Amino acid sequence: FPIMHTLLIKTAVLEKHPWVAMAMFNAWQESKQQCYGHLEWQRIHMTSMWFRALWEEERAAAGSDIYPWGFRKTRAEVKKMLEYAHRHGMIPRKVEPEEMFHPSTLET
C-alpha cells in the first residue's frame, strides 16, 4: 500500500522537546502491533469461514507487516512523492526526504 498518513509535529514543539518525535513514533508502532495482535486473535476465533483464508492469503502476498512504518522503510515512497510534487509545481524545489523528518526519526 502507498503511504496514507503522516504524523506532523509543530517545529516549535520539537525545538523545545525533541524527544516527542520518537515518543510519537513508538506510540504509533505499539498501537499498530496491538491492532495486528487483535487481527491475529480474530483469525483464530472469527466465525466467518472466509476470514482465516483471506488473512493467510493477504499475509502470503504482502508479508507480515503490510503497513511498514519508519523512515528507512518508506524513504523511496517519500522520495517519489516529493519528485511528483516538484514536477507538478506543488513545491518550488527538489526536496530530499531527510529534509522532511526530524533527525531523531531517520534511523527508524
N, C-alpha and C. Protein backbone atom coordinates (compact mmCIF):
# COMPACT_ATOMS: atom_id res chain seq x y z
N PHE A 1 0.83 -1.18 0.00
CA PHE A 1 0.00 0.00 0.00
C PHE A 1 0.88 1.25 0.00
N PRO A 2 0.41 2.30 -0.67
CA PRO A 2 1.16 3.56 -0.58
C PRO A 2 0.95 4.20 0.79
N ILE A 3 1.81 5.12 1.12
CA ILE A 3 1.68 5.86 2.38
C ILE A 3 0.35 6.61 2.36
N MET A 4 -0.41 6.49 3.45
CA MET A 4 -1.71 7.16 3.52
C MET A 4 -1.75 8.25 4.58
N HIS A 5 -0.88 8.16 5.58
CA HIS A 5 -0.92 9.11 6.69
C HIS A 5 0.51 9.49 7.08
N THR A 6 0.65 10.70 7.55
CA THR A 6 1.92 11.17 8.09
C THR A 6 1.62 11.91 9.38
N LEU A 7 2.39 11.63 10.41
CA LEU A 7 2.23 12.35 11.68
C LEU A 7 3.04 13.63 11.62
N LEU A 8 2.41 14.72 11.97
CA LEU A 8 3.08 16.02 11.97
C LEU A 8 3.17 16.55 13.39
N ILE A 9 4.30 17.16 13.68
CA ILE A 9 4.51 17.79 14.98
C ILE A 9 5.06 19.18 14.71
N LYS A 10 4.51 20.17 15.36
CA LYS A 10 4.97 21.54 15.14
C LYS A 10 6.46 21.67 15.47
N THR A 11 7.15 22.43 14.64
CA THR A 11 8.58 22.66 14.84
C THR A 11 8.85 23.24 16.23
N ALA A 12 8.01 24.15 16.67
CA ALA A 12 8.19 24.77 17.99
C ALA A 12 8.17 23.71 19.10
N VAL A 13 7.33 22.71 18.97
CA VAL A 13 7.27 21.64 19.96
C VAL A 13 8.57 20.84 19.94
N LEU A 14 9.03 20.49 18.73
CA LEU A 14 10.26 19.70 18.61
C LEU A 14 11.50 20.46 19.06
N GLU A 15 11.49 21.76 18.87
CA GLU A 15 12.63 22.56 19.33
C GLU A 15 12.73 22.55 20.85
N LYS A 16 11.60 22.57 21.52
CA LYS A 16 11.59 22.56 22.99
C LYS A 16 11.71 21.14 23.56
N HIS A 17 11.11 20.18 22.84
CA HIS A 17 11.03 18.81 23.34
C HIS A 17 11.36 17.82 22.21
N PRO A 18 12.62 17.70 21.83
CA PRO A 18 12.98 16.85 20.69
C PRO A 18 12.63 15.37 20.88
N TRP A 19 12.45 14.93 22.11
CA TRP A 19 12.10 13.54 22.38
C TRP A 19 10.69 13.19 21.89
N VAL A 20 9.87 14.20 21.63
CA VAL A 20 8.48 13.96 21.23
C VAL A 20 8.40 13.17 19.92
N ALA A 21 9.30 13.42 18.99
CA ALA A 21 9.25 12.74 17.68
C ALA A 21 9.31 11.23 17.85
N MET A 22 10.29 10.74 18.58
CA MET A 22 10.41 9.29 18.75
C MET A 22 9.34 8.74 19.68
N ALA A 23 8.90 9.53 20.65
CA ALA A 23 7.82 9.08 21.53
C ALA A 23 6.55 8.85 20.72
N MET A 24 6.24 9.76 19.80
CA MET A 24 5.07 9.59 18.94
C MET A 24 5.24 8.38 18.04
N PHE A 25 6.41 8.25 17.43
CA PHE A 25 6.65 7.10 16.55
C PHE A 25 6.47 5.79 17.32
N ASN A 26 7.08 5.70 18.49
CA ASN A 26 6.99 4.47 19.28
C ASN A 26 5.56 4.18 19.72
N ALA A 27 4.80 5.22 20.08
CA ALA A 27 3.41 5.02 20.48
C ALA A 27 2.59 4.49 19.31
N TRP A 28 2.81 5.03 18.13
CA TRP A 28 2.07 4.56 16.96
C TRP A 28 2.48 3.14 16.58
N GLN A 29 3.76 2.82 16.72
CA GLN A 29 4.21 1.45 16.46
C GLN A 29 3.52 0.47 17.42
N GLU A 30 3.47 0.83 18.69
CA GLU A 30 2.81 -0.03 19.68
C GLU A 30 1.34 -0.20 19.34
N SER A 31 0.69 0.88 18.92
CA SER A 31 -0.71 0.81 18.53
C SER A 31 -0.91 -0.15 17.36
N LYS A 32 -0.03 -0.07 16.38
CA LYS A 32 -0.13 -0.96 15.22
C LYS A 32 0.06 -2.41 15.64
N GLN A 33 1.01 -2.68 16.51
CA GLN A 33 1.25 -4.05 16.96
C GLN A 33 0.05 -4.59 17.73
N GLN A 34 -0.60 -3.74 18.52
CA GLN A 34 -1.81 -4.18 19.22
C GLN A 34 -2.91 -4.51 18.23
N CYS A 35 -3.03 -3.71 17.19
CA CYS A 35 -4.03 -3.98 16.15
C CYS A 35 -3.74 -5.31 15.46
N TYR A 36 -2.47 -5.53 15.10
CA TYR A 36 -2.10 -6.80 14.47
C TYR A 36 -2.40 -7.97 15.40
N GLY A 37 -2.16 -7.80 16.70
CA GLY A 37 -2.47 -8.85 17.65
C GLY A 37 -3.96 -9.15 17.69
N HIS A 38 -4.77 -8.11 17.64
CA HIS A 38 -6.23 -8.30 17.61
C HIS A 38 -6.65 -9.03 16.34
N LEU A 39 -6.07 -8.65 15.22
CA LEU A 39 -6.40 -9.33 13.96
C LEU A 39 -5.98 -10.80 13.99
N GLU A 40 -4.85 -11.08 14.59
CA GLU A 40 -4.40 -12.48 14.72
C GLU A 40 -5.39 -13.27 15.57
N TRP A 41 -5.87 -12.65 16.67
CA TRP A 41 -6.86 -13.31 17.51
C TRP A 41 -8.13 -13.59 16.70
N GLN A 42 -8.56 -12.60 15.91
CA GLN A 42 -9.75 -12.79 15.08
C GLN A 42 -9.55 -13.90 14.07
N ARG A 43 -8.35 -13.99 13.51
CA ARG A 43 -8.07 -15.03 12.52
C ARG A 43 -8.35 -16.41 13.09
N ILE A 44 -8.05 -16.58 14.36
CA ILE A 44 -8.24 -17.88 15.00
C ILE A 44 -9.67 -18.07 15.49
N HIS A 45 -10.29 -17.01 16.00
CA HIS A 45 -11.58 -17.13 16.66
C HIS A 45 -12.79 -16.65 15.85
N MET A 46 -12.57 -16.03 14.73
CA MET A 46 -13.67 -15.50 13.92
C MET A 46 -14.54 -16.64 13.41
N THR A 47 -15.85 -16.43 13.43
CA THR A 47 -16.76 -17.47 12.96
C THR A 47 -16.94 -17.45 11.45
N SER A 48 -16.50 -16.40 10.79
CA SER A 48 -16.59 -16.35 9.33
C SER A 48 -15.67 -17.40 8.73
N MET A 49 -16.21 -18.21 7.84
CA MET A 49 -15.38 -19.26 7.27
C MET A 49 -14.36 -18.72 6.28
N TRP A 50 -14.49 -17.47 5.84
CA TRP A 50 -13.57 -16.92 4.85
C TRP A 50 -12.47 -16.07 5.46
N PHE A 51 -12.66 -15.58 6.67
CA PHE A 51 -11.70 -14.64 7.25
C PHE A 51 -10.30 -15.23 7.34
N ARG A 52 -10.19 -16.44 7.85
CA ARG A 52 -8.87 -17.06 8.02
C ARG A 52 -8.16 -17.22 6.68
N ALA A 53 -8.86 -17.69 5.67
CA ALA A 53 -8.25 -17.89 4.36
C ALA A 53 -7.81 -16.56 3.75
N LEU A 54 -8.65 -15.53 3.88
CA LEU A 54 -8.29 -14.22 3.35
C LEU A 54 -7.09 -13.63 4.09
N TRP A 55 -7.07 -13.79 5.42
CA TRP A 55 -5.95 -13.30 6.22
C TRP A 55 -4.65 -13.97 5.77
N GLU A 56 -4.68 -15.28 5.62
CA GLU A 56 -3.48 -16.02 5.24
C GLU A 56 -3.05 -15.68 3.81
N GLU A 57 -4.00 -15.49 2.92
CA GLU A 57 -3.69 -15.10 1.55
C GLU A 57 -3.05 -13.70 1.52
N GLU A 58 -3.59 -12.79 2.30
CA GLU A 58 -3.03 -11.43 2.37
C GLU A 58 -1.60 -11.46 2.89
N ARG A 59 -1.35 -12.22 3.93
CA ARG A 59 -0.01 -12.31 4.51
C ARG A 59 0.96 -12.97 3.53
N ALA A 60 0.51 -13.96 2.78
CA ALA A 60 1.38 -14.61 1.80
C ALA A 60 1.77 -13.63 0.69
N ALA A 61 0.84 -12.77 0.31
CA ALA A 61 1.10 -11.81 -0.78
C ALA A 61 1.89 -10.60 -0.31
N ALA A 62 1.60 -10.10 0.90
CA ALA A 62 2.17 -8.82 1.33
C ALA A 62 3.17 -8.94 2.47
N GLY A 63 3.31 -10.09 3.07
CA GLY A 63 4.22 -10.23 4.20
C GLY A 63 3.52 -9.97 5.51
N SER A 64 4.26 -10.07 6.58
CA SER A 64 3.66 -9.96 7.91
C SER A 64 3.35 -8.53 8.32
N ASP A 65 3.96 -7.56 7.66
CA ASP A 65 3.72 -6.15 8.01
C ASP A 65 3.32 -5.40 6.74
N ILE A 66 2.02 -5.36 6.47
CA ILE A 66 1.57 -4.75 5.21
C ILE A 66 1.58 -3.23 5.25
N TYR A 67 1.77 -2.66 6.43
CA TYR A 67 1.85 -1.21 6.57
C TYR A 67 3.20 -0.84 7.19
N PRO A 68 4.28 -0.88 6.42
CA PRO A 68 5.58 -0.57 7.01
C PRO A 68 5.66 0.89 7.43
N TRP A 69 6.17 1.10 8.63
CA TRP A 69 6.36 2.45 9.16
C TRP A 69 7.83 2.66 9.43
N GLY A 70 8.24 3.88 9.38
CA GLY A 70 9.62 4.22 9.67
C GLY A 70 10.28 4.83 8.45
N PHE A 71 11.25 5.69 8.69
CA PHE A 71 11.89 6.42 7.60
C PHE A 71 12.57 5.50 6.61
N ARG A 72 13.37 4.58 7.09
CA ARG A 72 14.11 3.70 6.18
C ARG A 72 13.17 2.86 5.30
N LYS A 73 12.09 2.39 5.89
CA LYS A 73 11.16 1.53 5.15
C LYS A 73 10.35 2.30 4.12
N THR A 74 10.19 3.60 4.30
CA THR A 74 9.31 4.37 3.41
C THR A 74 10.04 5.47 2.64
N ARG A 75 11.35 5.53 2.76
CA ARG A 75 12.11 6.61 2.13
C ARG A 75 11.87 6.67 0.62
N ALA A 76 11.89 5.53 -0.05
CA ALA A 76 11.72 5.51 -1.52
C ALA A 76 10.36 6.09 -1.92
N GLU A 77 9.32 5.75 -1.18
CA GLU A 77 7.99 6.29 -1.48
C GLU A 77 7.94 7.80 -1.26
N VAL A 78 8.52 8.25 -0.15
CA VAL A 78 8.53 9.68 0.15
C VAL A 78 9.31 10.42 -0.94
N LYS A 79 10.44 9.87 -1.35
CA LYS A 79 11.24 10.50 -2.41
C LYS A 79 10.43 10.62 -3.70
N LYS A 80 9.72 9.56 -4.07
CA LYS A 80 8.91 9.59 -5.29
C LYS A 80 7.79 10.62 -5.17
N MET A 81 7.13 10.70 -4.02
CA MET A 81 6.08 11.70 -3.84
C MET A 81 6.64 13.12 -3.96
N LEU A 82 7.82 13.35 -3.40
CA LEU A 82 8.45 14.67 -3.49
C LEU A 82 8.84 14.99 -4.93
N GLU A 83 9.30 13.99 -5.67
CA GLU A 83 9.62 14.20 -7.09
C GLU A 83 8.36 14.59 -7.87
N TYR A 84 7.26 13.89 -7.63
CA TYR A 84 5.99 14.22 -8.30
C TYR A 84 5.55 15.63 -7.93
N ALA A 85 5.65 15.97 -6.64
CA ALA A 85 5.23 17.29 -6.19
C ALA A 85 6.04 18.38 -6.88
N HIS A 86 7.33 18.18 -7.04
CA HIS A 86 8.17 19.17 -7.72
C HIS A 86 7.84 19.22 -9.20
N ARG A 87 7.71 18.07 -9.82
CA ARG A 87 7.42 18.01 -11.25
C ARG A 87 6.11 18.72 -11.60
N HIS A 88 5.14 18.63 -10.72
CA HIS A 88 3.82 19.23 -10.98
C HIS A 88 3.67 20.62 -10.37
N GLY A 89 4.78 21.21 -9.93
CA GLY A 89 4.76 22.58 -9.45
C GLY A 89 4.16 22.78 -8.07
N MET A 90 4.00 21.72 -7.32
CA MET A 90 3.41 21.84 -5.98
C MET A 90 4.43 22.33 -4.95
N ILE A 91 5.71 22.09 -5.22
CA ILE A 91 6.78 22.61 -4.37
C ILE A 91 7.81 23.26 -5.29
N PRO A 92 8.45 24.35 -4.84
CA PRO A 92 9.30 25.14 -5.73
C PRO A 92 10.67 24.53 -6.05
N ARG A 93 11.12 23.58 -5.23
CA ARG A 93 12.45 23.00 -5.48
C ARG A 93 12.42 21.51 -5.14
N LYS A 94 13.43 20.81 -5.62
CA LYS A 94 13.56 19.40 -5.27
C LYS A 94 13.93 19.31 -3.79
N VAL A 95 13.27 18.41 -3.10
CA VAL A 95 13.47 18.24 -1.66
C VAL A 95 13.85 16.78 -1.40
N GLU A 96 14.84 16.58 -0.57
CA GLU A 96 15.23 15.23 -0.17
C GLU A 96 14.36 14.79 1.02
N PRO A 97 14.01 13.52 1.09
CA PRO A 97 13.17 13.04 2.19
C PRO A 97 13.71 13.39 3.57
N GLU A 98 15.03 13.38 3.73
CA GLU A 98 15.63 13.67 5.03
C GLU A 98 15.27 15.07 5.53
N GLU A 99 14.96 15.99 4.61
CA GLU A 99 14.59 17.35 5.00
C GLU A 99 13.20 17.41 5.64
N MET A 100 12.41 16.39 5.41
CA MET A 100 11.02 16.41 5.84
C MET A 100 10.80 15.80 7.23
N PHE A 101 11.82 15.17 7.79
CA PHE A 101 11.65 14.42 9.03
C PHE A 101 12.64 14.87 10.09
N HIS A 102 12.23 14.78 11.32
CA HIS A 102 13.10 15.13 12.44
C HIS A 102 14.31 14.19 12.43
N PRO A 103 15.50 14.72 12.68
CA PRO A 103 16.71 13.89 12.65
C PRO A 103 16.63 12.63 13.52
N SER A 104 15.93 12.71 14.64
CA SER A 104 15.85 11.54 15.52
C SER A 104 15.08 10.38 14.91
N THR A 105 14.30 10.64 13.86
CA THR A 105 13.50 9.57 13.26
C THR A 105 14.15 8.95 12.03
N LEU A 106 15.28 9.46 11.60
CA LEU A 106 15.89 8.98 10.35
C LEU A 106 16.42 7.56 10.44
N GLU A 107 16.61 7.05 11.62
CA GLU A 107 17.10 5.67 11.78
C GLU A 107 15.97 4.67 11.95
N THR A 108 14.73 5.13 11.89
CA THR A 108 13.60 4.21 12.07
C THR A 108 13.31 3.44 10.81
